[in-house]
């Protein structure tokens, strides 16, 4: 079993920065993909960014140039650096991880990010 715990959410004014962390524990595997999703109030959950264990990244157009995804493999931790935050970035942010070793996807509980104008 794998557990994912997000941290780093909070309140920020527009233009500010936050860094979200996603710590994985339990039986992790060396080949994986980690992603960030978000659910804004009244909206569907949407993809934000993903990174594979060999460093290939994908970021949704709405956050390109502002958000950066990264991983620290020895620490089993992923990060989402969010700069130039906008009110429309307000959402609960979830991390997930897919492990090819067992073919399963895991989700964290989410962390709330609130951006005020």
N, C-alpha and C. Protein backbone atom coordinates (compact mmCIF):
# COMPACT_ATOMS: atom_id res chain seq x y z
N UNK A 1 0.85 -1.19 0.00
CA UNK A 1 0.00 0.00 0.00
C UNK A 1 0.88 1.24 0.00
N UNK A 2 0.43 2.26 -0.71
CA UNK A 2 1.16 3.52 -0.81
C UNK A 2 0.29 4.63 -0.23
N UNK A 3 0.87 5.47 0.56
CA UNK A 3 0.15 6.64 1.07
C UNK A 3 0.78 7.91 0.51
N UNK A 4 -0.08 8.83 0.11
CA UNK A 4 0.37 10.13 -0.40
C UNK A 4 -0.18 11.21 0.51
N UNK A 5 0.69 12.11 0.92
CA UNK A 5 0.27 13.20 1.79
C UNK A 5 0.73 14.52 1.20
N UNK A 6 -0.25 15.38 0.89
CA UNK A 6 0.08 16.70 0.36
C UNK A 6 0.25 17.70 1.50
N UNK A 7 1.05 18.71 1.24
CA UNK A 7 1.22 19.81 2.19
C UNK A 7 1.62 21.05 1.41
N UNK A 8 1.55 22.19 2.09
CA UNK A 8 2.01 23.43 1.48
C UNK A 8 0.90 24.35 1.00
N UNK A 9 -0.35 23.90 1.09
CA UNK A 9 -1.44 24.77 0.69
C UNK A 9 -1.64 25.90 1.68
N UNK A 10 -2.48 26.84 1.31
CA UNK A 10 -2.75 27.96 2.19
C UNK A 10 -3.37 29.10 1.42
N UNK A 11 -3.35 30.28 2.05
CA UNK A 11 -3.90 31.47 1.43
C UNK A 11 -2.78 32.35 0.93
N UNK A 12 -2.99 32.94 -0.22
CA UNK A 12 -1.96 33.78 -0.83
C UNK A 12 -2.65 34.86 -1.65
N UNK A 13 -2.03 36.01 -1.72
CA UNK A 13 -2.54 37.06 -2.59
C UNK A 13 -2.12 36.78 -4.03
N UNK A 14 -2.88 37.31 -4.95
CA UNK A 14 -2.54 37.17 -6.36
C UNK A 14 -1.13 37.70 -6.61
N UNK A 15 -0.41 36.95 -7.42
CA UNK A 15 0.97 37.30 -7.72
C UNK A 15 1.98 36.61 -6.84
N UNK A 16 1.51 36.00 -5.77
CA UNK A 16 2.39 35.33 -4.85
C UNK A 16 2.73 33.91 -5.29
N UNK A 17 3.47 33.21 -4.42
CA UNK A 17 3.94 31.86 -4.73
C UNK A 17 3.66 30.91 -3.58
N UNK A 18 3.47 29.67 -3.93
CA UNK A 18 3.35 28.58 -2.96
C UNK A 18 4.04 27.37 -3.55
N UNK A 19 4.54 26.50 -2.68
CA UNK A 19 5.08 25.24 -3.13
C UNK A 19 4.36 24.11 -2.42
N UNK A 20 3.73 23.27 -3.22
CA UNK A 20 3.05 22.09 -2.69
C UNK A 20 4.00 20.91 -2.69
N UNK A 21 3.87 20.08 -1.67
CA UNK A 21 4.66 18.86 -1.58
C UNK A 21 3.73 17.66 -1.54
N UNK A 22 4.21 16.55 -2.07
CA UNK A 22 3.48 15.29 -2.03
C UNK A 22 4.46 14.20 -1.60
N UNK A 23 4.32 13.77 -0.37
CA UNK A 23 5.22 12.76 0.17
C UNK A 23 4.60 11.37 0.05
N UNK A 24 5.33 10.46 -0.55
CA UNK A 24 4.86 9.09 -0.71
C UNK A 24 5.53 8.19 0.31
N UNK A 25 4.75 7.32 0.91
CA UNK A 25 5.30 6.36 1.87
C UNK A 25 4.67 5.00 1.64
N UNK A 26 5.26 4.01 2.25
CA UNK A 26 4.76 2.66 2.04
C UNK A 26 5.59 1.96 0.98
N UNK A 27 4.99 1.02 0.31
CA UNK A 27 5.73 0.25 -0.67
C UNK A 27 5.72 0.97 -2.01
N UNK A 28 6.71 1.81 -2.24
CA UNK A 28 6.81 2.53 -3.51
C UNK A 28 7.69 1.75 -4.48
N UNK A 29 7.66 2.13 -5.74
CA UNK A 29 8.40 1.47 -6.80
C UNK A 29 9.27 2.48 -7.52
N UNK A 30 10.23 1.99 -8.25
CA UNK A 30 11.18 2.90 -8.89
C UNK A 30 10.62 3.53 -10.15
N UNK A 31 9.71 2.86 -10.84
CA UNK A 31 9.14 3.43 -12.06
C UNK A 31 7.72 3.93 -11.76
N UNK A 32 7.52 5.21 -11.91
CA UNK A 32 6.22 5.78 -11.55
C UNK A 32 6.00 7.09 -12.30
N UNK A 33 4.80 7.56 -12.22
CA UNK A 33 4.44 8.90 -12.68
C UNK A 33 3.67 9.57 -11.54
N UNK A 34 4.02 10.80 -11.28
CA UNK A 34 3.33 11.55 -10.24
C UNK A 34 2.65 12.75 -10.86
N UNK A 35 1.46 13.01 -10.44
CA UNK A 35 0.71 14.11 -11.04
C UNK A 35 0.02 14.97 -10.00
N UNK A 36 -0.36 16.16 -10.45
CA UNK A 36 -1.16 17.08 -9.64
C UNK A 36 -2.45 17.39 -10.39
N UNK A 37 -3.54 17.35 -9.66
CA UNK A 37 -4.84 17.71 -10.18
C UNK A 37 -5.43 18.75 -9.24
N UNK A 38 -6.46 19.43 -9.70
CA UNK A 38 -7.13 20.37 -8.81
C UNK A 38 -8.62 20.38 -9.10
N UNK A 39 -9.36 20.73 -8.05
CA UNK A 39 -10.81 20.88 -8.18
C UNK A 39 -11.18 22.23 -7.62
N UNK A 40 -11.60 23.13 -8.50
CA UNK A 40 -12.04 24.46 -8.08
C UNK A 40 -13.49 24.37 -7.62
N UNK A 41 -13.94 25.31 -6.81
CA UNK A 41 -15.32 25.29 -6.32
C UNK A 41 -16.32 25.23 -7.47
N UNK A 42 -17.19 24.25 -7.43
CA UNK A 42 -18.23 24.12 -8.45
C UNK A 42 -17.77 23.58 -9.79
N UNK A 43 -16.53 23.13 -9.85
CA UNK A 43 -16.00 22.62 -11.12
C UNK A 43 -15.53 21.18 -11.00
N UNK A 44 -15.30 20.59 -12.16
CA UNK A 44 -14.77 19.23 -12.18
C UNK A 44 -13.28 19.25 -11.86
N UNK A 45 -12.80 18.12 -11.39
CA UNK A 45 -11.36 17.99 -11.17
C UNK A 45 -10.64 18.06 -12.51
N UNK A 46 -9.52 18.77 -12.54
CA UNK A 46 -8.77 18.91 -13.79
C UNK A 46 -7.29 18.61 -13.57
N UNK A 47 -6.68 18.15 -14.62
CA UNK A 47 -5.25 17.87 -14.62
C UNK A 47 -4.46 19.17 -14.58
N UNK A 48 -3.37 19.17 -13.82
CA UNK A 48 -2.50 20.35 -13.74
C UNK A 48 -1.12 20.04 -14.31
N UNK A 49 -0.49 19.00 -13.78
CA UNK A 49 0.88 18.69 -14.22
C UNK A 49 1.21 17.27 -13.83
N UNK A 50 2.19 16.70 -14.53
CA UNK A 50 2.65 15.35 -14.21
C UNK A 50 4.13 15.23 -14.54
N UNK A 51 4.76 14.28 -13.88
CA UNK A 51 6.17 14.02 -14.12
C UNK A 51 6.42 12.52 -13.96
N UNK A 52 7.26 11.97 -14.81
CA UNK A 52 7.61 10.56 -14.69
C UNK A 52 8.89 10.41 -13.89
N UNK A 53 9.18 9.19 -13.49
CA UNK A 53 10.37 8.94 -12.69
C UNK A 53 11.66 9.22 -13.45
N UNK A 54 11.58 9.30 -14.80
CA UNK A 54 12.78 9.67 -15.56
C UNK A 54 12.76 11.13 -15.98
N UNK A 55 11.85 11.92 -15.38
CA UNK A 55 11.91 13.36 -15.53
C UNK A 55 11.11 13.99 -16.65
N UNK A 56 10.30 13.23 -17.35
CA UNK A 56 9.48 13.80 -18.41
C UNK A 56 8.28 14.50 -17.77
N UNK A 57 8.05 15.74 -18.18
CA UNK A 57 6.98 16.53 -17.56
C UNK A 57 5.90 16.91 -18.58
N UNK A 58 4.75 17.20 -18.05
CA UNK A 58 3.63 17.68 -18.84
C UNK A 58 2.85 18.65 -17.96
N UNK A 59 2.54 19.81 -18.51
CA UNK A 59 1.87 20.85 -17.73
C UNK A 59 0.71 21.40 -18.55
N UNK A 60 -0.42 21.61 -17.92
CA UNK A 60 -1.57 22.14 -18.64
C UNK A 60 -1.29 23.57 -19.08
N UNK A 61 -1.86 23.97 -20.21
CA UNK A 61 -1.54 25.27 -20.80
C UNK A 61 -1.85 26.42 -19.85
N UNK A 62 -2.89 26.30 -19.04
CA UNK A 62 -3.31 27.42 -18.20
C UNK A 62 -2.29 27.76 -17.11
N UNK A 63 -1.35 26.87 -16.83
CA UNK A 63 -0.36 27.16 -15.79
C UNK A 63 1.06 27.15 -16.32
N UNK A 64 1.22 26.94 -17.63
CA UNK A 64 2.56 26.93 -18.20
C UNK A 64 3.25 28.25 -17.98
N UNK A 65 4.52 28.17 -17.61
CA UNK A 65 5.28 29.38 -17.33
C UNK A 65 5.09 29.89 -15.92
N UNK A 66 4.12 29.33 -15.19
CA UNK A 66 3.88 29.75 -13.80
C UNK A 66 4.10 28.61 -12.81
N UNK A 67 3.72 27.40 -13.18
CA UNK A 67 3.84 26.24 -12.29
C UNK A 67 4.95 25.33 -12.81
N UNK A 68 5.69 24.75 -11.89
CA UNK A 68 6.75 23.80 -12.23
C UNK A 68 6.61 22.56 -11.37
N UNK A 69 6.62 21.40 -12.01
CA UNK A 69 6.55 20.15 -11.27
C UNK A 69 7.94 19.53 -11.20
N UNK A 70 8.24 18.93 -10.06
CA UNK A 70 9.54 18.29 -9.90
C UNK A 70 9.40 17.14 -8.91
N UNK A 71 10.44 16.31 -8.85
CA UNK A 71 10.45 15.20 -7.91
C UNK A 71 11.82 15.09 -7.26
N UNK A 72 11.84 14.61 -6.04
CA UNK A 72 13.06 14.27 -5.33
C UNK A 72 12.96 12.78 -5.05
N UNK A 73 13.52 11.99 -5.94
CA UNK A 73 13.34 10.54 -5.86
C UNK A 73 13.84 9.95 -4.54
N UNK A 74 15.03 10.30 -4.06
CA UNK A 74 15.48 9.72 -2.78
C UNK A 74 14.53 10.01 -1.63
N UNK A 75 13.82 11.13 -1.70
CA UNK A 75 12.88 11.49 -0.63
C UNK A 75 11.46 11.00 -0.92
N UNK A 76 11.26 10.39 -2.09
CA UNK A 76 9.90 9.97 -2.48
C UNK A 76 8.91 11.11 -2.38
N UNK A 77 9.33 12.28 -2.81
CA UNK A 77 8.50 13.47 -2.68
C UNK A 77 8.43 14.22 -4.00
N UNK A 78 7.23 14.63 -4.35
CA UNK A 78 7.02 15.46 -5.52
C UNK A 78 6.65 16.86 -5.10
N UNK A 79 6.88 17.81 -5.98
CA UNK A 79 6.61 19.21 -5.67
C UNK A 79 5.87 19.88 -6.82
N UNK A 80 5.10 20.87 -6.48
CA UNK A 80 4.49 21.74 -7.47
C UNK A 80 4.77 23.18 -7.03
N UNK A 81 5.70 23.82 -7.71
CA UNK A 81 6.02 25.20 -7.43
C UNK A 81 5.05 26.07 -8.21
N UNK A 82 4.32 26.90 -7.50
CA UNK A 82 3.30 27.72 -8.13
C UNK A 82 3.66 29.18 -7.94
N UNK A 83 3.97 29.84 -9.05
CA UNK A 83 4.31 31.27 -9.03
C UNK A 83 3.23 32.07 -9.74
N UNK A 84 3.27 33.36 -9.54
CA UNK A 84 2.31 34.27 -10.19
C UNK A 84 0.88 33.76 -10.03
N UNK A 85 0.53 33.41 -8.82
CA UNK A 85 -0.78 32.83 -8.57
C UNK A 85 -1.90 33.81 -8.92
N UNK A 86 -2.99 33.24 -9.38
CA UNK A 86 -4.17 34.00 -9.78
C UNK A 86 -5.37 33.52 -8.98
N UNK A 87 -6.37 34.35 -8.82
CA UNK A 87 -7.57 33.90 -8.10
C UNK A 87 -8.17 32.63 -8.70
N UNK A 88 -8.07 32.47 -10.01
CA UNK A 88 -8.63 31.27 -10.66
C UNK A 88 -7.82 30.00 -10.37
N UNK A 89 -6.70 30.15 -9.69
CA UNK A 89 -5.94 28.97 -9.24
C UNK A 89 -6.50 28.41 -7.93
N UNK A 90 -7.44 29.12 -7.34
CA UNK A 90 -8.05 28.65 -6.09
C UNK A 90 -8.71 27.30 -6.31
N UNK A 91 -8.31 26.32 -5.51
CA UNK A 91 -8.82 24.95 -5.67
C UNK A 91 -8.23 24.07 -4.58
N UNK A 92 -8.79 22.89 -4.47
CA UNK A 92 -8.14 21.83 -3.70
C UNK A 92 -7.21 21.11 -4.66
N UNK A 93 -5.97 20.99 -4.29
CA UNK A 93 -4.96 20.35 -5.12
C UNK A 93 -4.68 18.95 -4.60
N UNK A 94 -4.72 17.99 -5.51
CA UNK A 94 -4.50 16.59 -5.17
C UNK A 94 -3.29 16.08 -5.93
N UNK A 95 -2.50 15.28 -5.25
CA UNK A 95 -1.45 14.59 -5.98
C UNK A 95 -1.86 13.14 -6.17
N UNK A 96 -1.37 12.55 -7.23
CA UNK A 96 -1.57 11.12 -7.43
C UNK A 96 -0.30 10.51 -7.94
N UNK A 97 -0.21 9.22 -7.82
CA UNK A 97 0.97 8.51 -8.30
C UNK A 97 0.54 7.18 -8.90
N UNK A 98 1.09 6.91 -10.06
CA UNK A 98 0.86 5.62 -10.72
C UNK A 98 2.17 4.84 -10.68
N UNK A 99 2.10 3.63 -10.17
CA UNK A 99 3.29 2.79 -10.09
C UNK A 99 3.16 1.63 -11.07
N UNK A 100 4.11 1.56 -12.00
CA UNK A 100 4.05 0.48 -12.99
C UNK A 100 4.33 -0.87 -12.35
N UNK A 101 4.99 -0.88 -11.18
CA UNK A 101 5.31 -2.14 -10.52
C UNK A 101 4.09 -2.95 -10.13
N UNK A 102 3.00 -2.25 -9.76
CA UNK A 102 1.77 -2.97 -9.43
C UNK A 102 0.57 -2.48 -10.22
N UNK A 103 0.80 -1.51 -11.12
CA UNK A 103 -0.27 -1.05 -11.99
C UNK A 103 -1.38 -0.29 -11.29
N UNK A 104 -1.09 0.26 -10.12
CA UNK A 104 -2.13 0.95 -9.36
C UNK A 104 -1.87 2.45 -9.28
N UNK A 105 -2.96 3.18 -9.10
CA UNK A 105 -2.90 4.63 -8.92
C UNK A 105 -3.38 4.98 -7.52
N UNK A 106 -2.66 5.87 -6.88
CA UNK A 106 -2.98 6.30 -5.53
C UNK A 106 -3.23 7.81 -5.51
N UNK A 107 -4.06 8.24 -4.57
CA UNK A 107 -4.40 9.65 -4.44
C UNK A 107 -4.17 10.12 -3.01
N UNK A 108 -3.78 11.39 -2.91
CA UNK A 108 -3.72 12.02 -1.60
C UNK A 108 -5.07 12.61 -1.25
N UNK A 109 -5.14 13.18 -0.04
CA UNK A 109 -6.40 13.73 0.44
C UNK A 109 -6.66 15.15 -0.07
N UNK A 110 -5.63 15.81 -0.55
CA UNK A 110 -5.78 17.15 -1.08
C UNK A 110 -5.33 18.23 -0.12
N UNK A 111 -4.95 19.36 -0.68
CA UNK A 111 -4.58 20.53 0.12
C UNK A 111 -5.19 21.76 -0.55
N UNK A 112 -5.77 22.62 0.27
CA UNK A 112 -6.51 23.76 -0.26
C UNK A 112 -5.59 24.94 -0.53
N UNK A 113 -5.72 25.49 -1.72
CA UNK A 113 -5.01 26.72 -2.09
C UNK A 113 -6.05 27.79 -2.37
N UNK A 114 -5.94 28.91 -1.69
CA UNK A 114 -6.86 30.02 -1.89
C UNK A 114 -6.06 31.26 -2.28
N UNK A 115 -6.40 31.82 -3.42
CA UNK A 115 -5.70 33.00 -3.92
C UNK A 115 -6.68 34.16 -3.95
N UNK A 116 -6.34 35.21 -3.24
CA UNK A 116 -7.21 36.39 -3.19
C UNK A 116 -6.71 37.46 -4.14
N UNK A 117 -7.64 38.24 -4.63
CA UNK A 117 -7.28 39.30 -5.60
C UNK A 117 -6.89 40.58 -4.89
